[in-house]
Amino acid sequence: MTPAQLHAVRQVYSDSFGEGMQVCAAVSAACVVACALAYRRHGVDLEARREESMREEDEIIWAAAMAQESS
């Protein structure tokens, strides 16, 4: 390869890397914004959330059993 060709190849790779880093920075910024919007000062009580989830599952199972009985 001639020095000019080598320089051109390095320039292309450098430009491509720079564009990739800009995309990564944009995705990272979007994630920071999403986390900031989803943040809750007073988090959800995990025990209460677990109990609620269990109640919902019980309701789904009950509804499925009732539907199966009626058919």
N, C-alpha and C. Protein backbone atom coordinates (compact mmCIF):
# COMPACT_ATOMS: atom_id res chain seq x y z
N MET A 1 0.84 -1.19 0.00
CA MET A 1 0.00 0.00 0.00
C MET A 1 0.88 1.24 0.00
N THR A 2 0.42 2.20 -0.71
CA THR A 2 1.16 3.47 -0.72
C THR A 2 0.80 4.25 0.55
N PRO A 3 1.65 5.19 0.92
CA PRO A 3 1.34 5.99 2.11
C PRO A 3 0.01 6.75 2.00
N ALA A 4 -0.34 7.18 0.80
CA ALA A 4 -1.61 7.89 0.61
C ALA A 4 -2.79 6.95 0.85
N GLN A 5 -2.67 5.72 0.34
CA GLN A 5 -3.74 4.74 0.55
C GLN A 5 -3.86 4.38 2.03
N LEU A 6 -2.74 4.21 2.68
CA LEU A 6 -2.72 3.90 4.10
C LEU A 6 -3.38 5.02 4.91
N HIS A 7 -3.07 6.25 4.53
CA HIS A 7 -3.68 7.40 5.21
C HIS A 7 -5.19 7.42 4.98
N ALA A 8 -5.62 7.11 3.76
CA ALA A 8 -7.05 7.10 3.44
C ALA A 8 -7.78 6.02 4.25
N VAL A 9 -7.16 4.84 4.36
CA VAL A 9 -7.77 3.77 5.13
C VAL A 9 -7.88 4.17 6.60
N ARG A 10 -6.82 4.74 7.14
CA ARG A 10 -6.86 5.19 8.54
C ARG A 10 -7.94 6.25 8.75
N GLN A 11 -8.07 7.14 7.79
CA GLN A 11 -9.08 8.20 7.90
C GLN A 11 -10.49 7.62 7.89
N VAL A 12 -10.73 6.65 7.02
CA VAL A 12 -12.05 6.02 6.95
C VAL A 12 -12.38 5.30 8.26
N TYR A 13 -11.43 4.52 8.78
CA TYR A 13 -11.65 3.84 10.04
C TYR A 13 -11.85 4.82 11.19
N SER A 14 -11.09 5.90 11.18
CA SER A 14 -11.22 6.91 12.22
C SER A 14 -12.60 7.58 12.16
N ASP A 15 -13.03 7.92 10.97
CA ASP A 15 -14.35 8.55 10.81
C ASP A 15 -15.46 7.59 11.24
N SER A 16 -15.33 6.33 10.86
CA SER A 16 -16.33 5.33 11.21
C SER A 16 -16.39 5.14 12.72
N PHE A 17 -15.24 5.08 13.37
CA PHE A 17 -15.20 4.94 14.82
C PHE A 17 -15.85 6.14 15.49
N GLY A 18 -15.57 7.32 14.99
CA GLY A 18 -16.16 8.54 15.55
C GLY A 18 -17.68 8.55 15.43
N GLU A 19 -18.19 8.10 14.30
CA GLU A 19 -19.65 8.03 14.12
C GLU A 19 -20.25 6.99 15.07
N GLY A 20 -19.56 5.86 15.23
CA GLY A 20 -20.04 4.84 16.15
C GLY A 20 -20.09 5.35 17.58
N MET A 21 -19.11 6.11 17.97
CA MET A 21 -19.08 6.68 19.32
C MET A 21 -20.19 7.70 19.51
N GLN A 22 -20.52 8.46 18.48
CA GLN A 22 -21.63 9.42 18.56
C GLN A 22 -22.95 8.68 18.76
N VAL A 23 -23.12 7.57 18.06
CA VAL A 23 -24.34 6.76 18.22
C VAL A 23 -24.41 6.21 19.64
N CYS A 24 -23.28 5.70 20.14
CA CYS A 24 -23.24 5.17 21.51
C CYS A 24 -23.57 6.25 22.53
N ALA A 25 -23.06 7.45 22.31
CA ALA A 25 -23.33 8.55 23.23
C ALA A 25 -24.81 8.93 23.19
N ALA A 26 -25.41 8.91 22.00
CA ALA A 26 -26.83 9.25 21.88
C ALA A 26 -27.69 8.20 22.59
N VAL A 27 -27.37 6.93 22.42
CA VAL A 27 -28.12 5.86 23.08
C VAL A 27 -27.96 5.97 24.59
N SER A 28 -26.75 6.25 25.02
CA SER A 28 -26.49 6.40 26.45
C SER A 28 -27.28 7.57 27.03
N ALA A 29 -27.32 8.68 26.31
CA ALA A 29 -28.09 9.84 26.77
C ALA A 29 -29.57 9.51 26.86
N ALA A 30 -30.08 8.76 25.89
CA ALA A 30 -31.49 8.35 25.92
C ALA A 30 -31.76 7.47 27.13
N CYS A 31 -30.82 6.60 27.47
CA CYS A 31 -30.99 5.74 28.65
C CYS A 31 -30.99 6.55 29.93
N VAL A 32 -30.14 7.57 30.01
CA VAL A 32 -30.11 8.42 31.19
C VAL A 32 -31.44 9.16 31.34
N VAL A 33 -31.97 9.66 30.24
CA VAL A 33 -33.26 10.35 30.28
C VAL A 33 -34.37 9.39 30.71
N ALA A 34 -34.35 8.17 30.16
CA ALA A 34 -35.38 7.18 30.52
C ALA A 34 -35.30 6.83 32.00
N CYS A 35 -34.08 6.68 32.51
CA CYS A 35 -33.92 6.38 33.94
C CYS A 35 -34.39 7.54 34.80
N ALA A 36 -34.09 8.75 34.38
CA ALA A 36 -34.52 9.93 35.14
C ALA A 36 -36.04 10.03 35.18
N LEU A 37 -36.69 9.68 34.07
CA LEU A 37 -38.15 9.75 34.03
C LEU A 37 -38.80 8.62 34.82
N ALA A 38 -38.12 7.49 34.94
CA ALA A 38 -38.69 6.34 35.64
C ALA A 38 -38.35 6.33 37.13
N TYR A 39 -37.50 7.22 37.57
CA TYR A 39 -37.06 7.24 38.96
C TYR A 39 -38.20 7.61 39.88
N ARG A 40 -38.29 6.92 41.00
CA ARG A 40 -39.28 7.24 42.02
C ARG A 40 -38.55 7.53 43.32
N ARG A 41 -38.87 8.65 43.91
CA ARG A 41 -38.21 9.02 45.16
C ARG A 41 -38.52 7.99 46.25
N HIS A 42 -39.79 7.63 46.33
CA HIS A 42 -40.21 6.62 47.30
C HIS A 42 -40.53 5.35 46.52
N GLY A 43 -39.60 4.43 46.54
CA GLY A 43 -39.73 3.20 45.75
C GLY A 43 -40.92 2.36 46.16
N VAL A 44 -41.22 1.40 45.34
CA VAL A 44 -42.33 0.49 45.59
C VAL A 44 -41.92 -0.49 46.68
N ASP A 45 -42.83 -0.74 47.61
CA ASP A 45 -42.59 -1.73 48.66
C ASP A 45 -42.60 -3.12 48.00
N LEU A 46 -41.48 -3.80 48.05
CA LEU A 46 -41.37 -5.07 47.36
C LEU A 46 -42.32 -6.12 47.91
N GLU A 47 -42.51 -6.14 49.20
CA GLU A 47 -43.42 -7.13 49.80
C GLU A 47 -44.85 -6.87 49.33
N ALA A 48 -45.27 -5.61 49.32
CA ALA A 48 -46.62 -5.28 48.86
C ALA A 48 -46.78 -5.62 47.38
N ARG A 49 -45.74 -5.36 46.58
CA ARG A 49 -45.81 -5.66 45.15
C ARG A 49 -45.89 -7.17 44.92
N ARG A 50 -45.16 -7.95 45.74
CA ARG A 50 -45.20 -9.41 45.62
C ARG A 50 -46.59 -9.93 45.95
N GLU A 51 -47.19 -9.41 47.01
CA GLU A 51 -48.54 -9.84 47.39
C GLU A 51 -49.55 -9.48 46.31
N GLU A 52 -49.42 -8.30 45.74
CA GLU A 52 -50.32 -7.87 44.67
C GLU A 52 -50.17 -8.79 43.45
N SER A 53 -48.94 -9.14 43.14
CA SER A 53 -48.68 -10.03 42.01
C SER A 53 -49.29 -11.40 42.25
N MET A 54 -49.17 -11.90 43.47
CA MET A 54 -49.76 -13.20 43.81
C MET A 54 -51.28 -13.16 43.71
N ARG A 55 -51.88 -12.04 44.16
CA ARG A 55 -53.34 -11.89 44.05
C ARG A 55 -53.77 -11.89 42.59
N GLU A 56 -53.03 -11.17 41.75
CA GLU A 56 -53.37 -11.12 40.33
C GLU A 56 -53.26 -12.50 39.69
N GLU A 57 -52.21 -13.26 40.05
CA GLU A 57 -52.07 -14.61 39.52
C GLU A 57 -53.21 -15.50 39.97
N ASP A 58 -53.61 -15.38 41.24
CA ASP A 58 -54.73 -16.16 41.74
C ASP A 58 -56.01 -15.83 40.98
N GLU A 59 -56.23 -14.56 40.70
CA GLU A 59 -57.42 -14.15 39.95
C GLU A 59 -57.41 -14.72 38.54
N ILE A 60 -56.25 -14.73 37.91
CA ILE A 60 -56.13 -15.28 36.55
C ILE A 60 -56.40 -16.77 36.57
N ILE A 61 -55.84 -17.47 37.55
CA ILE A 61 -56.05 -18.92 37.65
C ILE A 61 -57.53 -19.21 37.92
N TRP A 62 -58.13 -18.43 38.81
CA TRP A 62 -59.55 -18.62 39.13
C TRP A 62 -60.41 -18.38 37.90
N ALA A 63 -60.13 -17.32 37.15
CA ALA A 63 -60.90 -17.00 35.96
C ALA A 63 -60.75 -18.11 34.91
N ALA A 64 -59.56 -18.64 34.76
CA ALA A 64 -59.33 -19.73 33.80
C ALA A 64 -60.09 -20.98 34.22
N ALA A 65 -60.09 -21.27 35.52
CA ALA A 65 -60.82 -22.45 36.02
C ALA A 65 -62.32 -22.28 35.80
N MET A 66 -62.83 -21.09 36.05
CA MET A 66 -64.26 -20.83 35.85
C MET A 66 -64.62 -20.94 34.36
N ALA A 67 -63.77 -20.46 33.51
CA ALA A 67 -64.03 -20.55 32.07
C ALA A 67 -64.01 -21.98 31.61
N GLN A 68 -63.11 -22.78 32.19
CA GLN A 68 -63.02 -24.19 31.81
C GLN A 68 -64.24 -24.96 32.31
N GLU A 69 -64.74 -24.61 33.49
CA GLU A 69 -65.92 -25.28 34.04
C GLU A 69 -67.16 -24.97 33.20
N SER A 70 -67.26 -23.74 32.73
CA SER A 70 -68.46 -23.34 31.99
C SER A 70 -68.50 -23.90 30.57
N SER A 71 -67.37 -24.38 30.09
CA SER A 71 -67.38 -24.91 28.71
C SER A 71 -67.45 -26.39 28.65
